[in-house]
Amino acid sequence: MAAESGELIGACEFMKDRLYFATLRNRPKSTVNIHYFSIDEELVYENFYADFGPLNLAMVYRYCCKVNKKLKSYSLSRKKIVHYTCFDQRKRANAAFLMGAYAVLVYDNEDLLLSSGKSSLSIKCPGISEA
């Protein structure tokens, strides 16, 4: 357990003992207890001029679906899931944006999403309160 904890030093915990965000210099290999994934080359911002993001709503949706699928996966059910990114400032900013968007849009509904087995993504709208 101590070696495992050492692997996650500097990682930000989003869901207790389950979902983490980290910036790493090298591409890590998943272990028995930890699953690493990155979106740095998968969800790429198409710039208009010299900007670098944030990513569009379609990419936010794809990211949320990807994270939910990993959290529901039977093969990953006992693993800590780490979304990692590199030190490139643009990729790092977009990766952090996606993790933050996930936390705002989906995290409050996490128990419902994980236990319901629904295939659709439930998104919380911050502008609408439930009476």
N, C-alpha and C. Protein backbone atom coordinates (compact mmCIF):
# COMPACT_ATOMS: atom_id res chain seq x y z
N MET A 1 0.81 -1.19 0.00
CA MET A 1 0.00 0.00 0.00
C MET A 1 0.86 1.26 0.00
N ALA A 2 2.01 1.22 0.67
CA ALA A 2 2.88 2.40 0.73
C ALA A 2 3.42 2.74 -0.65
N ALA A 3 3.80 1.73 -1.44
CA ALA A 3 4.29 2.00 -2.79
C ALA A 3 3.19 2.60 -3.64
N GLU A 4 1.99 2.09 -3.45
CA GLU A 4 0.84 2.62 -4.19
C GLU A 4 0.60 4.08 -3.83
N SER A 5 0.66 4.42 -2.56
CA SER A 5 0.46 5.80 -2.13
C SER A 5 1.53 6.69 -2.73
N GLY A 6 2.77 6.19 -2.79
CA GLY A 6 3.87 6.95 -3.37
C GLY A 6 3.65 7.26 -4.83
N GLU A 7 2.97 6.38 -5.53
CA GLU A 7 2.69 6.60 -6.95
C GLU A 7 1.73 7.76 -7.16
N LEU A 8 0.91 8.05 -6.18
CA LEU A 8 -0.11 9.10 -6.34
C LEU A 8 0.25 10.38 -5.61
N ILE A 9 1.50 10.53 -5.20
CA ILE A 9 1.93 11.77 -4.55
C ILE A 9 1.80 12.91 -5.57
N GLY A 10 1.17 13.96 -5.17
CA GLY A 10 0.97 15.11 -6.05
C GLY A 10 -0.30 15.03 -6.88
N ALA A 11 -1.01 13.91 -6.81
CA ALA A 11 -2.27 13.77 -7.54
C ALA A 11 -3.40 14.41 -6.74
N CYS A 12 -4.33 14.99 -7.44
CA CYS A 12 -5.49 15.62 -6.81
C CYS A 12 -6.63 14.59 -6.78
N GLU A 13 -7.16 14.33 -5.60
CA GLU A 13 -8.23 13.34 -5.44
C GLU A 13 -9.58 14.00 -5.67
N PHE A 14 -10.35 13.49 -6.64
CA PHE A 14 -11.68 14.03 -6.92
C PHE A 14 -12.78 13.20 -6.28
N MET A 15 -12.61 11.89 -6.27
CA MET A 15 -13.54 10.99 -5.59
C MET A 15 -12.69 10.15 -4.65
N LYS A 16 -13.06 10.08 -3.42
CA LYS A 16 -12.26 9.41 -2.41
C LYS A 16 -11.88 7.99 -2.84
N ASP A 17 -10.59 7.74 -2.88
CA ASP A 17 -10.01 6.43 -3.22
C ASP A 17 -10.45 5.90 -4.58
N ARG A 18 -10.87 6.81 -5.50
CA ARG A 18 -11.39 6.32 -6.78
C ARG A 18 -10.89 7.11 -7.99
N LEU A 19 -11.06 8.42 -8.01
CA LEU A 19 -10.74 9.22 -9.19
C LEU A 19 -9.75 10.33 -8.84
N TYR A 20 -8.66 10.40 -9.61
CA TYR A 20 -7.58 11.34 -9.36
C TYR A 20 -7.20 12.08 -10.64
N PHE A 21 -6.55 13.24 -10.46
CA PHE A 21 -6.00 14.00 -11.58
C PHE A 21 -4.54 14.28 -11.25
N ALA A 22 -3.65 14.07 -12.24
CA ALA A 22 -2.23 14.26 -12.00
C ALA A 22 -1.53 14.80 -13.24
N THR A 23 -0.47 15.56 -13.02
CA THR A 23 0.41 16.01 -14.09
C THR A 23 1.71 15.23 -13.93
N LEU A 24 2.08 14.49 -14.98
CA LEU A 24 3.25 13.61 -14.90
C LEU A 24 4.22 13.88 -16.04
N ARG A 25 5.49 13.68 -15.78
CA ARG A 25 6.52 13.89 -16.81
C ARG A 25 6.56 12.74 -17.82
N ASN A 26 6.37 11.53 -17.35
CA ASN A 26 6.44 10.35 -18.21
C ASN A 26 5.10 9.63 -18.24
N ARG A 27 4.90 8.91 -19.33
CA ARG A 27 3.67 8.12 -19.46
C ARG A 27 3.75 6.91 -18.52
N PRO A 28 2.85 6.84 -17.54
CA PRO A 28 2.90 5.73 -16.58
C PRO A 28 2.24 4.47 -17.13
N LYS A 29 2.61 3.35 -16.56
CA LYS A 29 1.95 2.08 -16.89
C LYS A 29 0.97 1.76 -15.78
N SER A 30 -0.19 1.31 -16.17
CA SER A 30 -1.19 0.92 -15.17
C SER A 30 -0.66 -0.25 -14.36
N THR A 31 -1.08 -0.29 -13.10
CA THR A 31 -0.65 -1.35 -12.20
C THR A 31 -1.87 -2.17 -11.78
N VAL A 32 -1.64 -3.09 -10.86
CA VAL A 32 -2.73 -3.92 -10.37
C VAL A 32 -3.79 -3.07 -9.67
N ASN A 33 -3.34 -1.99 -9.00
CA ASN A 33 -4.26 -1.17 -8.21
C ASN A 33 -4.60 0.18 -8.82
N ILE A 34 -3.90 0.58 -9.89
CA ILE A 34 -4.11 1.91 -10.46
C ILE A 34 -4.24 1.82 -11.98
N HIS A 35 -5.26 2.49 -12.52
CA HIS A 35 -5.46 2.59 -13.96
C HIS A 35 -5.21 4.03 -14.38
N TYR A 36 -4.28 4.23 -15.30
CA TYR A 36 -3.96 5.57 -15.81
C TYR A 36 -4.57 5.76 -17.19
N PHE A 37 -5.07 6.97 -17.46
CA PHE A 37 -5.52 7.30 -18.80
C PHE A 37 -5.27 8.78 -19.07
N SER A 38 -5.14 9.12 -20.34
CA SER A 38 -4.91 10.50 -20.75
C SER A 38 -5.76 10.80 -21.98
N ILE A 39 -6.13 12.06 -22.12
CA ILE A 39 -6.90 12.50 -23.29
C ILE A 39 -6.11 13.50 -24.12
N ASP A 40 -4.84 13.68 -23.78
CA ASP A 40 -4.01 14.70 -24.42
C ASP A 40 -3.98 14.60 -25.95
N GLU A 41 -3.97 13.40 -26.48
CA GLU A 41 -3.93 13.21 -27.93
C GLU A 41 -5.30 12.85 -28.51
N GLU A 42 -6.25 12.56 -27.64
CA GLU A 42 -7.58 12.13 -28.09
C GLU A 42 -8.55 13.30 -28.27
N LEU A 43 -8.60 14.18 -27.28
CA LEU A 43 -9.49 15.34 -27.34
C LEU A 43 -8.61 16.58 -27.52
N VAL A 44 -8.47 16.99 -28.77
CA VAL A 44 -7.56 18.08 -29.11
C VAL A 44 -8.36 19.29 -29.56
N TYR A 45 -8.00 20.44 -29.03
CA TYR A 45 -8.68 21.69 -29.36
C TYR A 45 -8.27 22.17 -30.75
N GLU A 46 -9.25 22.50 -31.57
CA GLU A 46 -9.00 23.08 -32.89
C GLU A 46 -9.04 24.59 -32.74
N ASN A 47 -7.86 25.21 -32.74
CA ASN A 47 -7.82 26.65 -32.45
C ASN A 47 -8.27 27.50 -33.63
N PHE A 48 -8.75 28.71 -33.30
CA PHE A 48 -9.20 29.66 -34.30
C PHE A 48 -8.10 30.65 -34.66
N TYR A 49 -7.26 30.95 -33.69
CA TYR A 49 -6.16 31.88 -33.93
C TYR A 49 -4.99 31.39 -33.09
N ALA A 50 -4.62 32.07 -32.05
CA ALA A 50 -3.51 31.65 -31.20
C ALA A 50 -4.02 31.15 -29.85
N ASP A 51 -5.30 30.85 -29.76
CA ASP A 51 -5.86 30.37 -28.50
C ASP A 51 -5.64 28.86 -28.36
N PHE A 52 -5.96 28.34 -27.19
CA PHE A 52 -5.75 26.91 -26.95
C PHE A 52 -6.90 26.25 -26.20
N GLY A 53 -8.02 26.88 -26.12
CA GLY A 53 -9.15 26.25 -25.47
C GLY A 53 -10.05 27.28 -24.83
N PRO A 54 -11.02 26.85 -24.08
CA PRO A 54 -11.24 25.47 -23.65
C PRO A 54 -11.89 24.61 -24.75
N LEU A 55 -11.91 23.32 -24.48
CA LEU A 55 -12.52 22.38 -25.41
C LEU A 55 -14.02 22.64 -25.52
N ASN A 56 -14.62 22.23 -26.63
CA ASN A 56 -16.04 22.50 -26.85
C ASN A 56 -16.93 21.52 -26.07
N LEU A 57 -18.22 21.81 -26.08
CA LEU A 57 -19.18 21.03 -25.29
C LEU A 57 -19.24 19.57 -25.72
N ALA A 58 -19.07 19.29 -27.01
CA ALA A 58 -19.08 17.90 -27.48
C ALA A 58 -17.93 17.12 -26.86
N MET A 59 -16.78 17.75 -26.73
CA MET A 59 -15.63 17.08 -26.12
C MET A 59 -15.82 16.91 -24.61
N VAL A 60 -16.48 17.88 -23.98
CA VAL A 60 -16.80 17.75 -22.56
C VAL A 60 -17.71 16.54 -22.36
N TYR A 61 -18.70 16.41 -23.22
CA TYR A 61 -19.63 15.28 -23.14
C TYR A 61 -18.89 13.95 -23.33
N ARG A 62 -18.04 13.88 -24.34
CA ARG A 62 -17.26 12.66 -24.60
C ARG A 62 -16.39 12.30 -23.40
N TYR A 63 -15.79 13.32 -22.80
CA TYR A 63 -14.94 13.08 -21.63
C TYR A 63 -15.77 12.54 -20.47
N CYS A 64 -16.90 13.16 -20.19
CA CYS A 64 -17.77 12.71 -19.10
C CYS A 64 -18.22 11.27 -19.31
N CYS A 65 -18.57 10.93 -20.54
CA CYS A 65 -18.96 9.55 -20.86
C CYS A 65 -17.80 8.60 -20.63
N LYS A 66 -16.60 9.00 -21.04
CA LYS A 66 -15.41 8.16 -20.88
C LYS A 66 -15.12 7.89 -19.40
N VAL A 67 -15.18 8.94 -18.59
CA VAL A 67 -14.92 8.78 -17.15
C VAL A 67 -16.00 7.91 -16.52
N ASN A 68 -17.26 8.15 -16.86
CA ASN A 68 -18.34 7.32 -16.30
C ASN A 68 -18.18 5.86 -16.68
N LYS A 69 -17.79 5.60 -17.92
CA LYS A 69 -17.59 4.23 -18.37
C LYS A 69 -16.48 3.56 -17.55
N LYS A 70 -15.41 4.28 -17.29
CA LYS A 70 -14.32 3.74 -16.49
C LYS A 70 -14.77 3.48 -15.06
N LEU A 71 -15.55 4.40 -14.49
CA LEU A 71 -16.01 4.23 -13.12
C LEU A 71 -16.99 3.07 -12.98
N LYS A 72 -17.74 2.76 -14.03
CA LYS A 72 -18.71 1.67 -14.00
C LYS A 72 -18.10 0.32 -14.40
N SER A 73 -16.93 0.34 -15.01
CA SER A 73 -16.30 -0.86 -15.54
C SER A 73 -16.01 -1.88 -14.44
N TYR A 74 -16.43 -3.10 -14.67
CA TYR A 74 -16.19 -4.17 -13.70
C TYR A 74 -14.69 -4.43 -13.53
N SER A 75 -13.95 -4.39 -14.63
CA SER A 75 -12.52 -4.68 -14.57
C SER A 75 -11.73 -3.58 -13.84
N LEU A 76 -12.30 -2.39 -13.74
CA LEU A 76 -11.64 -1.28 -13.04
C LEU A 76 -12.26 -0.99 -11.68
N SER A 77 -13.21 -1.81 -11.27
CA SER A 77 -13.98 -1.51 -10.06
C SER A 77 -13.14 -1.45 -8.79
N ARG A 78 -12.03 -2.14 -8.75
CA ARG A 78 -11.19 -2.14 -7.55
C ARG A 78 -9.92 -1.30 -7.73
N LYS A 79 -9.86 -0.56 -8.83
CA LYS A 79 -8.66 0.23 -9.12
C LYS A 79 -8.93 1.71 -8.90
N LYS A 80 -7.87 2.42 -8.56
CA LYS A 80 -7.91 3.87 -8.55
C LYS A 80 -7.72 4.32 -9.99
N ILE A 81 -8.51 5.28 -10.42
CA ILE A 81 -8.45 5.75 -11.81
C ILE A 81 -7.80 7.13 -11.80
N VAL A 82 -6.73 7.26 -12.58
CA VAL A 82 -5.96 8.50 -12.60
C VAL A 82 -5.98 9.08 -14.01
N HIS A 83 -6.59 10.25 -14.15
CA HIS A 83 -6.50 11.01 -15.40
C HIS A 83 -5.21 11.81 -15.30
N TYR A 84 -4.25 11.49 -16.16
CA TYR A 84 -2.98 12.21 -16.12
C TYR A 84 -2.80 13.03 -17.39
N THR A 85 -1.99 14.06 -17.27
CA THR A 85 -1.65 14.92 -18.40
C THR A 85 -0.17 15.25 -18.32
N CYS A 86 0.34 15.85 -19.37
CA CYS A 86 1.76 16.21 -19.42
C CYS A 86 1.95 17.64 -18.91
N PHE A 87 3.18 18.13 -18.96
CA PHE A 87 3.48 19.47 -18.48
C PHE A 87 3.27 20.55 -19.54
N ASP A 88 2.83 20.19 -20.75
CA ASP A 88 2.50 21.19 -21.76
C ASP A 88 1.35 22.03 -21.22
N GLN A 89 1.55 23.34 -21.12
CA GLN A 89 0.56 24.20 -20.47
C GLN A 89 -0.80 24.16 -21.14
N ARG A 90 -0.83 24.05 -22.45
CA ARG A 90 -2.12 24.03 -23.16
C ARG A 90 -2.88 22.74 -22.90
N LYS A 91 -2.19 21.62 -22.99
CA LYS A 91 -2.84 20.33 -22.73
C LYS A 91 -3.24 20.21 -21.27
N ARG A 92 -2.39 20.73 -20.42
CA ARG A 92 -2.66 20.69 -18.98
C ARG A 92 -3.90 21.51 -18.64
N ALA A 93 -4.02 22.70 -19.22
CA ALA A 93 -5.18 23.56 -18.97
C ALA A 93 -6.47 22.89 -19.46
N ASN A 94 -6.44 22.28 -20.63
CA ASN A 94 -7.63 21.62 -21.16
C ASN A 94 -7.99 20.37 -20.36
N ALA A 95 -6.99 19.62 -19.92
CA ALA A 95 -7.25 18.42 -19.11
C ALA A 95 -7.86 18.83 -17.77
N ALA A 96 -7.32 19.87 -17.15
CA ALA A 96 -7.87 20.35 -15.88
C ALA A 96 -9.29 20.89 -16.07
N PHE A 97 -9.52 21.57 -17.18
CA PHE A 97 -10.87 22.06 -17.49
C PHE A 97 -11.85 20.90 -17.58
N LEU A 98 -11.46 19.82 -18.28
CA LEU A 98 -12.35 18.67 -18.42
C LEU A 98 -12.65 18.03 -17.08
N MET A 99 -11.65 17.87 -16.24
CA MET A 99 -11.87 17.26 -14.92
C MET A 99 -12.76 18.16 -14.08
N GLY A 100 -12.55 19.48 -14.16
CA GLY A 100 -13.40 20.42 -13.44
C GLY A 100 -14.83 20.40 -13.95
N ALA A 101 -14.98 20.32 -15.27
CA ALA A 101 -16.32 20.26 -15.86
C ALA A 101 -17.03 18.98 -15.42
N TYR A 102 -16.30 17.88 -15.37
CA TYR A 102 -16.88 16.62 -14.89
C TYR A 102 -17.36 16.79 -13.45
N ALA A 103 -16.53 17.41 -12.63
CA ALA A 103 -16.89 17.60 -11.22
C ALA A 103 -18.16 18.44 -11.08
N VAL A 104 -18.30 19.48 -11.89
CA VAL A 104 -19.46 20.37 -11.80
C VAL A 104 -20.71 19.72 -12.40
N LEU A 105 -20.57 19.08 -13.56
CA LEU A 105 -21.73 18.57 -14.28
C LEU A 105 -22.23 17.21 -13.80
N VAL A 106 -21.34 16.35 -13.34
CA VAL A 106 -21.72 14.97 -13.08
C VAL A 106 -21.48 14.54 -11.64
N TYR A 107 -20.46 15.05 -11.01
CA TYR A 107 -20.02 14.53 -9.72
C TYR A 107 -21.13 14.46 -8.67
N ASP A 108 -21.99 15.47 -8.56
CA ASP A 108 -23.06 15.44 -7.56
C ASP A 108 -24.02 14.28 -7.78
N ASN A 109 -24.10 13.79 -9.02
CA ASN A 109 -24.99 12.69 -9.34
C ASN A 109 -24.26 11.35 -9.37
N GLU A 110 -23.03 11.32 -8.88
CA GLU A 110 -22.20 10.13 -9.03
C GLU A 110 -22.85 8.86 -8.49
N ASP A 111 -23.42 8.89 -7.30
CA ASP A 111 -24.00 7.68 -6.73
C ASP A 111 -25.15 7.18 -7.58
N LEU A 112 -25.99 8.08 -8.06
CA LEU A 112 -27.11 7.73 -8.93
C LEU A 112 -26.60 7.13 -10.24
N LEU A 113 -25.60 7.77 -10.83
CA LEU A 113 -25.07 7.30 -12.10
C LEU A 113 -24.44 5.92 -11.98
N LEU A 114 -23.67 5.70 -10.93
CA LEU A 114 -22.96 4.44 -10.79
C LEU A 114 -23.87 3.29 -10.38
N SER A 115 -24.92 3.58 -9.63
CA SER A 115 -25.76 2.50 -9.15
C SER A 115 -26.95 2.22 -10.07
N SER A 116 -27.32 3.17 -10.92
CA SER A 116 -28.52 3.00 -11.71
C SER A 116 -28.30 2.11 -12.93
N GLY A 117 -27.06 2.05 -13.43
CA GLY A 117 -26.78 1.27 -14.62
C GLY A 117 -27.29 1.91 -15.89
N LYS A 118 -27.69 3.18 -15.83
CA LYS A 118 -28.18 3.87 -17.01
C LYS A 118 -27.06 4.05 -18.01
N SER A 119 -27.38 3.97 -19.29
CA SER A 119 -26.36 4.19 -20.32
C SER A 119 -26.26 5.65 -20.70
N SER A 120 -27.29 6.43 -20.37
CA SER A 120 -27.25 7.85 -20.73
C SER A 120 -26.53 8.64 -19.64
N LEU A 121 -26.02 9.77 -20.00
CA LEU A 121 -25.28 10.62 -19.08
C LEU A 121 -26.24 11.63 -18.46
N SER A 122 -26.27 11.67 -17.15
CA SER A 122 -27.11 12.63 -16.45
C SER A 122 -26.27 13.86 -16.12
N ILE A 123 -26.70 15.01 -16.60
CA ILE A 123 -25.95 16.23 -16.37
C ILE A 123 -26.77 17.18 -15.51
N LYS A 124 -26.12 17.72 -14.48
CA LYS A 124 -26.78 18.65 -13.58
C LYS A 124 -26.67 20.05 -14.17
N CYS A 125 -27.78 20.75 -14.24
CA CYS A 125 -27.77 22.12 -14.75
C CYS A 125 -27.70 23.06 -13.56
N PRO A 126 -26.58 23.80 -13.41
CA PRO A 126 -26.42 24.65 -12.24
C PRO A 126 -27.44 25.80 -12.18
N GLY A 127 -28.05 26.16 -13.29
CA GLY A 127 -28.98 27.28 -13.30
C GLY A 127 -30.38 26.93 -12.89
N ILE A 128 -30.67 25.67 -12.74
CA ILE A 128 -32.03 25.24 -12.41
C ILE A 128 -32.03 24.58 -11.05
N SER A 129 -32.82 25.10 -10.13
CA SER A 129 -32.88 24.49 -8.80
C SER A 129 -34.10 23.59 -8.72
N GLU A 130 -33.96 22.56 -7.91
CA GLU A 130 -35.08 21.64 -7.73
C GLU A 130 -35.90 22.13 -6.53
N ALA A 131 -37.20 22.26 -6.72
CA ALA A 131 -38.07 22.75 -5.65
C ALA A 131 -38.56 21.62 -4.79
